[in-house]
Amino acid sequence: MASIPSPGQQPQDNPETYVGLVAEEAERRARGRGWTTVRSLPPGAIITMEYRSGRLNFTVADGTVTRAWSG
């Protein structure tokens, strides 16, 4: 039987620090701080709710991050 893979490491970073940044700058900083996946979404986007370690989600309106959360 195959072993269950362990989840990756979550960067020690506060998602709230990205709110107010221009989306491109926020993504660059997030990748530099160790987030393996960065997902930018429009306001009101319908998304799946599965948790993924190492993923940072942004809600972006008019090119600016208005909300950020991990998973």
PDB file of N, CA and C in Angstrom:
ATOM      1  N   MET A   1       0.835  -1.165   0.000  1.00  0.00           N
ATOM      2  CA  MET A   1       0.000   0.000   0.000  1.00  0.00           C
ATOM      3  C   MET A   1       0.889   1.240   0.000  1.00  0.00           C
ATOM      4  N   ALA A   2       0.526   2.212  -0.804  1.00  0.00           N
ATOM      5  CA  ALA A   2       1.316   3.440  -0.908  1.00  0.00           C
ATOM      6  C   ALA A   2       1.127   4.290   0.343  1.00  0.00           C
ATOM      7  N   SER A   3       2.187   4.990   0.719  1.00  0.00           N
ATOM      8  CA  SER A   3       2.077   5.870   1.888  1.00  0.00           C
ATOM      9  C   SER A   3       1.349   7.164   1.516  1.00  0.00           C
ATOM     10  N   ILE A   4       0.745   7.767   2.499  1.00  0.00           N
ATOM     11  CA  ILE A   4       0.053   9.035   2.290  1.00  0.00           C
ATOM     12  C   ILE A   4       1.091  10.145   2.350  1.00  0.00           C
ATOM     13  N   PRO A   5       1.137  11.006   1.325  1.00  0.00           N
ATOM     14  CA  PRO A   5       2.145  12.069   1.349  1.00  0.00           C
ATOM     15  C   PRO A   5       1.847  13.073   2.457  1.00  0.00           C
ATOM     16  N   SER A   6       2.908  13.587   3.060  1.00  0.00           N
ATOM     17  CA  SER A   6       2.731  14.589   4.108  1.00  0.00           C
ATOM     18  C   SER A   6       2.550  15.958   3.449  1.00  0.00           C
ATOM     19  N   PRO A   7       1.765  16.839   4.082  1.00  0.00           N
ATOM     20  CA  PRO A   7       1.567  18.163   3.501  1.00  0.00           C
ATOM     21  C   PRO A   7       2.856  18.962   3.506  1.00  0.00           C
ATOM     22  N   GLY A   8       2.992  19.858   2.529  1.00  0.00           N
ATOM     23  CA  GLY A   8       4.173  20.700   2.457  1.00  0.00           C
ATOM     24  C   GLY A   8       4.192  21.727   3.570  1.00  0.00           C
ATOM     25  N   GLN A   9       5.280  22.407   3.693  1.00  0.00           N
ATOM     26  CA  GLN A   9       5.419  23.421   4.732  1.00  0.00           C
ATOM     27  C   GLN A   9       4.650  24.677   4.366  1.00  0.00           C
ATOM     28  N   GLN A  10       4.020  25.258   5.346  1.00  0.00           N
ATOM     29  CA  GLN A  10       3.306  26.517   5.183  1.00  0.00           C
ATOM     30  C   GLN A  10       4.277  27.642   5.536  1.00  0.00           C
ATOM     31  N   PRO A  11       4.466  28.638   4.662  1.00  0.00           N
ATOM     32  CA  PRO A  11       5.358  29.752   5.000  1.00  0.00           C
ATOM     33  C   PRO A  11       4.879  30.475   6.260  1.00  0.00           C
ATOM     34  N   GLN A  12       5.807  30.934   7.058  1.00  0.00           N
ATOM     35  CA  GLN A  12       5.483  31.719   8.248  1.00  0.00           C
ATOM     36  C   GLN A  12       5.321  33.170   7.800  1.00  0.00           C
ATOM     37  N   ASP A  13       4.130  33.482   7.294  1.00  0.00           N
ATOM     38  CA  ASP A  13       3.858  34.771   6.678  1.00  0.00           C
ATOM     39  C   ASP A  13       2.404  35.133   6.972  1.00  0.00           C
ATOM     40  N   ASN A  14       2.122  36.382   7.205  1.00  0.00           N
ATOM     41  CA  ASN A  14       0.766  36.833   7.494  1.00  0.00           C
ATOM     42  C   ASN A  14       0.097  37.297   6.199  1.00  0.00           C
ATOM     43  N   PRO A  15      -0.936  36.602   5.728  1.00  0.00           N
ATOM     44  CA  PRO A  15      -1.610  36.993   4.487  1.00  0.00           C
ATOM     45  C   PRO A  15      -2.123  38.438   4.489  1.00  0.00           C
ATOM     46  N   GLU A  16      -2.457  38.977   5.641  1.00  0.00           N
ATOM     47  CA  GLU A  16      -2.988  40.342   5.706  1.00  0.00           C
ATOM     48  C   GLU A  16      -1.987  41.392   5.210  1.00  0.00           C
ATOM     49  N   THR A  17      -0.699  41.053   5.218  1.00  0.00           N
ATOM     50  CA  THR A  17       0.303  42.033   4.770  1.00  0.00           C
ATOM     51  C   THR A  17       0.227  42.310   3.275  1.00  0.00           C
ATOM     52  N   TYR A  18      -0.519  41.494   2.530  1.00  0.00           N
ATOM     53  CA  TYR A  18      -0.636  41.667   1.083  1.00  0.00           C
ATOM     54  C   TYR A  18      -1.803  42.571   0.685  1.00  0.00           C
ATOM     55  N   VAL A  19      -2.731  42.784   1.597  1.00  0.00           N
ATOM     56  CA  VAL A  19      -3.906  43.617   1.302  1.00  0.00           C
ATOM     57  C   VAL A  19      -3.453  45.051   1.029  1.00  0.00           C
ATOM     58  N   GLY A  20      -3.920  45.595  -0.085  1.00  0.00           N
ATOM     59  CA  GLY A  20      -3.571  46.962  -0.475  1.00  0.00           C
ATOM     60  C   GLY A  20      -2.448  47.035  -1.491  1.00  0.00           C
ATOM     61  N   LEU A  21      -1.747  45.924  -1.706  1.00  0.00           N
ATOM     62  CA  LEU A  21      -0.654  45.911  -2.689  1.00  0.00           C
ATOM     63  C   LEU A  21      -1.207  45.725  -4.100  1.00  0.00           C
ATOM     64  N   VAL A  22      -0.455  46.206  -5.079  1.00  0.00           N
ATOM     65  CA  VAL A  22      -0.766  45.911  -6.477  1.00  0.00           C
ATOM     66  C   VAL A  22      -0.581  44.407  -6.660  1.00  0.00           C
ATOM     67  N   ALA A  23      -1.479  43.764  -7.403  1.00  0.00           N
ATOM     68  CA  ALA A  23      -1.507  42.306  -7.514  1.00  0.00           C
ATOM     69  C   ALA A  23      -0.167  41.715  -7.955  1.00  0.00           C
ATOM     70  N   GLU A  24       0.489  42.305  -8.928  1.00  0.00           N
ATOM     71  CA  GLU A  24       1.768  41.762  -9.420  1.00  0.00           C
ATOM     72  C   GLU A  24       2.843  41.801  -8.334  1.00  0.00           C
ATOM     73  N   GLU A  25       2.874  42.900  -7.575  1.00  0.00           N
ATOM     74  CA  GLU A  25       3.850  43.015  -6.481  1.00  0.00           C
ATOM     75  C   GLU A  25       3.535  42.018  -5.372  1.00  0.00           C
ATOM     76  N   ALA A  26       2.270  41.848  -5.058  1.00  0.00           N
ATOM     77  CA  ALA A  26       1.877  40.893  -4.022  1.00  0.00           C
ATOM     78  C   ALA A  26       2.291  39.479  -4.414  1.00  0.00           C
ATOM     79  N   GLU A  27       2.064  39.111  -5.670  1.00  0.00           N
ATOM     80  CA  GLU A  27       2.439  37.774  -6.124  1.00  0.00           C
ATOM     81  C   GLU A  27       3.957  37.581  -6.072  1.00  0.00           C
ATOM     82  N   ARG A  28       4.705  38.590  -6.493  1.00  0.00           N
ATOM     83  CA  ARG A  28       6.176  38.500  -6.456  1.00  0.00           C
ATOM     84  C   ARG A  28       6.661  38.307  -5.021  1.00  0.00           C
ATOM     85  N   ARG A  29       6.126  39.086  -4.090  1.00  0.00           N
ATOM     86  CA  ARG A  29       6.521  38.963  -2.684  1.00  0.00           C
ATOM     87  C   ARG A  29       6.147  37.596  -2.115  1.00  0.00           C
ATOM     88  N   ALA A  30       4.941  37.139  -2.442  1.00  0.00           N
ATOM     89  CA  ALA A  30       4.477  35.856  -1.917  1.00  0.00           C
ATOM     90  C   ALA A  30       5.386  34.717  -2.369  1.00  0.00           C
ATOM     91  N   ARG A  31       5.732  34.698  -3.632  1.00  0.00           N
ATOM     92  CA  ARG A  31       6.622  33.634  -4.134  1.00  0.00           C
ATOM     93  C   ARG A  31       8.008  33.743  -3.484  1.00  0.00           C
ATOM     94  N   GLY A  32       8.470  34.961  -3.275  1.00  0.00           N
ATOM     95  CA  GLY A  32       9.758  35.174  -2.619  1.00  0.00           C
ATOM     96  C   GLY A  32       9.769  34.743  -1.162  1.00  0.00           C
ATOM     97  N   ARG A  33       8.603  34.731  -0.541  1.00  0.00           N
ATOM     98  CA  ARG A  33       8.490  34.328   0.864  1.00  0.00           C
ATOM     99  C   ARG A  33       8.159  32.850   1.028  1.00  0.00           C
ATOM    100  N   GLY A  34       8.102  32.108  -0.089  1.00  0.00           N
ATOM    101  CA  GLY A  34       7.968  30.663   0.008  1.00  0.00           C
ATOM    102  C   GLY A  34       6.627  30.060  -0.336  1.00  0.00           C
ATOM    103  N   TRP A  35       5.641  30.869  -0.752  1.00  0.00           N
ATOM    104  CA  TRP A  35       4.358  30.297  -1.171  1.00  0.00           C
ATOM    105  C   TRP A  35       4.561  29.583  -2.502  1.00  0.00           C
ATOM    106  N   THR A  36       4.162  28.330  -2.586  1.00  0.00           N
ATOM    107  CA  THR A  36       4.372  27.552  -3.803  1.00  0.00           C
ATOM    108  C   THR A  36       3.301  27.802  -4.848  1.00  0.00           C
ATOM    109  N   THR A  37       2.112  28.175  -4.410  1.00  0.00           N
ATOM    110  CA  THR A  37       1.017  28.493  -5.316  1.00  0.00           C
ATOM    111  C   THR A  37       0.401  29.813  -4.886  1.00  0.00           C
ATOM    112  N   VAL A  38       0.212  30.709  -5.847  1.00  0.00           N
ATOM    113  CA  VAL A  38      -0.446  31.987  -5.588  1.00  0.00           C
ATOM    114  C   VAL A  38      -1.615  32.083  -6.558  1.00  0.00           C
ATOM    115  N   ARG A  39      -2.819  32.279  -6.010  1.00  0.00           N
ATOM    116  CA  ARG A  39      -4.019  32.290  -6.840  1.00  0.00           C
ATOM    117  C   ARG A  39      -4.710  33.646  -6.693  1.00  0.00           C
ATOM    118  N   SER A  40      -4.850  34.367  -7.817  1.00  0.00           N
ATOM    119  CA  SER A  40      -5.546  35.652  -7.846  1.00  0.00           C
ATOM    120  C   SER A  40      -6.949  35.438  -8.385  1.00  0.00           C
ATOM    121  N   LEU A  41      -7.929  35.977  -7.669  1.00  0.00           N
ATOM    122  CA  LEU A  41      -9.330  35.762  -8.012  1.00  0.00           C
ATOM    123  C   LEU A  41     -10.076  37.090  -8.072  1.00  0.00           C
ATOM    124  N   PRO A  42     -11.057  37.192  -8.959  1.00  0.00           N
ATOM    125  CA  PRO A  42     -11.883  38.405  -8.963  1.00  0.00           C
ATOM    126  C   PRO A  42     -12.866  38.364  -7.800  1.00  0.00           C
ATOM    127  N   PRO A  43     -13.392  39.515  -7.394  1.00  0.00           N
ATOM    128  CA  PRO A  43     -14.390  39.534  -6.318  1.00  0.00           C
ATOM    129  C   PRO A  43     -15.591  38.653  -6.673  1.00  0.00           C
ATOM    130  N   GLY A  44     -16.059  37.882  -5.698  1.00  0.00           N
ATOM    131  CA  GLY A  44     -17.230  37.037  -5.904  1.00  0.00           C
ATOM    132  C   GLY A  44     -16.982  35.759  -6.685  1.00  0.00           C
ATOM    133  N   ALA A  45     -15.723  35.427  -6.946  1.00  0.00           N
ATOM    134  CA  ALA A  45     -15.405  34.211  -7.702  1.00  0.00           C
ATOM    135  C   ALA A  45     -15.888  32.973  -6.951  1.00  0.00           C
ATOM    136  N   ILE A  46     -16.378  32.006  -7.690  1.00  0.00           N
ATOM    137  CA  ILE A  46     -16.773  30.728  -7.105  1.00  0.00           C
ATOM    138  C   ILE A  46     -15.553  29.820  -7.165  1.00  0.00           C
ATOM    139  N   ILE A  47     -15.135  29.333  -5.994  1.00  0.00           N
ATOM    140  CA  ILE A  47     -13.931  28.505  -5.923  1.00  0.00           C
ATOM    141  C   ILE A  47     -14.207  27.250  -5.106  1.00  0.00           C
ATOM    142  N   THR A  48     -13.362  26.266  -5.293  1.00  0.00           N
ATOM    143  CA  THR A  48     -13.440  25.074  -4.451  1.00  0.00           C
ATOM    144  C   THR A  48     -12.825  25.415  -3.103  1.00  0.00           C
ATOM    145  N   MET A  49     -13.245  24.712  -2.074  1.00  0.00           N
ATOM    146  CA  MET A  49     -12.806  25.047  -0.728  1.00  0.00           C
ATOM    147  C   MET A  49     -11.787  24.066  -0.145  1.00  0.00           C
ATOM    148  N   GLU A  50     -11.175  23.229  -0.984  1.00  0.00           N
ATOM    149  CA  GLU A  50     -10.177  22.317  -0.437  1.00  0.00           C
ATOM    150  C   GLU A  50      -8.969  23.123   0.050  1.00  0.00           C
ATOM    151  N   TYR A  51      -8.393  22.667   1.132  1.00  0.00           N
ATOM    152  CA  TYR A  51      -7.241  23.344   1.708  1.00  0.00           C
ATOM    153  C   TYR A  51      -5.980  22.790   1.071  1.00  0.00           C
ATOM    154  N   ARG A  52      -5.088  23.680   0.642  1.00  0.00           N
ATOM    155  CA  ARG A  52      -3.798  23.273   0.086  1.00  0.00           C
ATOM    156  C   ARG A  52      -2.699  24.021   0.824  1.00  0.00           C
ATOM    157  N   SER A  53      -1.872  23.275   1.500  1.00  0.00           N
ATOM    158  CA  SER A  53      -0.749  23.872   2.201  1.00  0.00           C
ATOM    159  C   SER A  53       0.177  24.534   1.184  1.00  0.00           C
ATOM    160  N   GLY A  54       0.649  25.712   1.495  1.00  0.00           N
ATOM    161  CA  GLY A  54       1.567  26.413   0.601  1.00  0.00           C
ATOM    162  C   GLY A  54       0.879  27.273  -0.433  1.00  0.00           C
ATOM    163  N   ARG A  55      -0.466  27.340  -0.398  1.00  0.00           N
ATOM    164  CA  ARG A  55      -1.182  28.167  -1.376  1.00  0.00           C
ATOM    165  C   ARG A  55      -1.663  29.454  -0.713  1.00  0.00           C
ATOM    166  N   LEU A  56      -1.462  30.571  -1.404  1.00  0.00           N
ATOM    167  CA  LEU A  56      -1.952  31.865  -0.965  1.00  0.00           C
ATOM    168  C   LEU A  56      -2.968  32.352  -1.989  1.00  0.00           C
ATOM    169  N   ASN A  57      -4.136  32.746  -1.510  1.00  0.00           N
ATOM    170  CA  ASN A  57      -5.220  33.222  -2.364  1.00  0.00           C
ATOM    171  C   ASN A  57      -5.372  34.730  -2.199  1.00  0.00           C
ATOM    172  N   PHE A  58      -5.602  35.410  -3.313  1.00  0.00           N
ATOM    173  CA  PHE A  58      -5.864  36.840  -3.305  1.00  0.00           C
ATOM    174  C   PHE A  58      -7.199  37.111  -3.979  1.00  0.00           C
ATOM    175  N   THR A  59      -7.984  38.020  -3.422  1.00  0.00           N
ATOM    176  CA  THR A  59      -9.079  38.623  -4.157  1.00  0.00           C
ATOM    177  C   THR A  59      -8.522  39.930  -4.685  1.00  0.00           C
ATOM    178  N   VAL A  60      -8.653  40.140  -5.998  1.00  0.00           N
ATOM    179  CA  VAL A  60      -8.077  41.317  -6.650  1.00  0.00           C
ATOM    180  C   VAL A  60      -9.185  42.115  -7.333  1.00  0.00           C
ATOM    181  N   ALA A  61      -9.289  43.388  -6.982  1.00  0.00           N
ATOM    182  CA  ALA A  61     -10.240  44.300  -7.612  1.00  0.00           C
ATOM    183  C   ALA A  61      -9.473  45.516  -8.129  1.00  0.00           C
ATOM    184  N   ASP A  62      -9.663  45.846  -9.386  1.00  0.00           N
ATOM    185  CA  ASP A  62      -8.984  46.989 -10.014  1.00  0.00           C
ATOM    186  C   ASP A  62      -7.472  46.922  -9.842  1.00  0.00           C
ATOM    187  N   GLY A  63      -6.910  45.698  -9.908  1.00  0.00           N
ATOM    188  CA  GLY A  63      -5.470  45.510  -9.844  1.00  0.00           C
ATOM    189  C   GLY A  63      -4.865  45.529  -8.447  1.00  0.00           C
ATOM    190  N   THR A  64      -5.710  45.639  -7.407  1.00  0.00           N
ATOM    191  CA  THR A  64      -5.225  45.726  -6.026  1.00  0.00           C
ATOM    192  C   THR A  64      -5.787  44.572  -5.190  1.00  0.00           C
ATOM    193  N   VAL A  65      -4.949  44.012  -4.336  1.00  0.00           N
ATOM    194  CA  VAL A  65      -5.375  42.935  -3.453  1.00  0.00           C
ATOM    195  C   VAL A  65      -6.300  43.516  -2.385  1.00  0.00           C
ATOM    196  N   THR A  66      -7.531  42.958  -2.303  1.00  0.00           N
ATOM    197  CA  THR A  66      -8.502  43.428  -1.313  1.00  0.00           C
ATOM    198  C   THR A  66      -8.704  42.422  -0.185  1.00  0.00           C
ATOM    199  N   ARG A  67      -8.260  41.181  -0.404  1.00  0.00           N
ATOM    200  CA  ARG A  67      -8.358  40.134   0.619  1.00  0.00           C
ATOM    201  C   ARG A  67      -7.280  39.105   0.318  1.00  0.00           C
ATOM    202  N   ALA A  68      -6.719  38.501   1.364  1.00  0.00           N
ATOM    203  CA  ALA A  68      -5.717  37.447   1.195  1.00  0.00           C
ATOM    204  C   ALA A  68      -5.903  36.410   2.296  1.00  0.00           C
ATOM    205  N   TRP A  69      -5.775  35.126   1.910  1.00  0.00           N
ATOM    206  CA  TRP A  69      -5.897  34.043   2.885  1.00  0.00           C
ATOM    207  C   TRP A  69      -5.113  32.834   2.396  1.00  0.00           C
ATOM    208  N   SER A  70      -4.696  32.002   3.335  1.00  0.00           N
ATOM    209  CA  SER A  70      -3.916  30.816   2.979  1.00  0.00           C
ATOM    210  C   SER A  70      -4.840  29.646   2.730  1.00  0.00           C
ATOM    211  N   GLY A  71      -4.322  28.671   2.014  1.00  0.00           N
ATOM    212  CA  GLY A  71      -5.059  27.432   1.768  1.00  0.00           C
ATOM    213  C   GLY A  71      -5.550  27.350   0.404  1.00  0.00           C
TER     214      GLY A  71
END
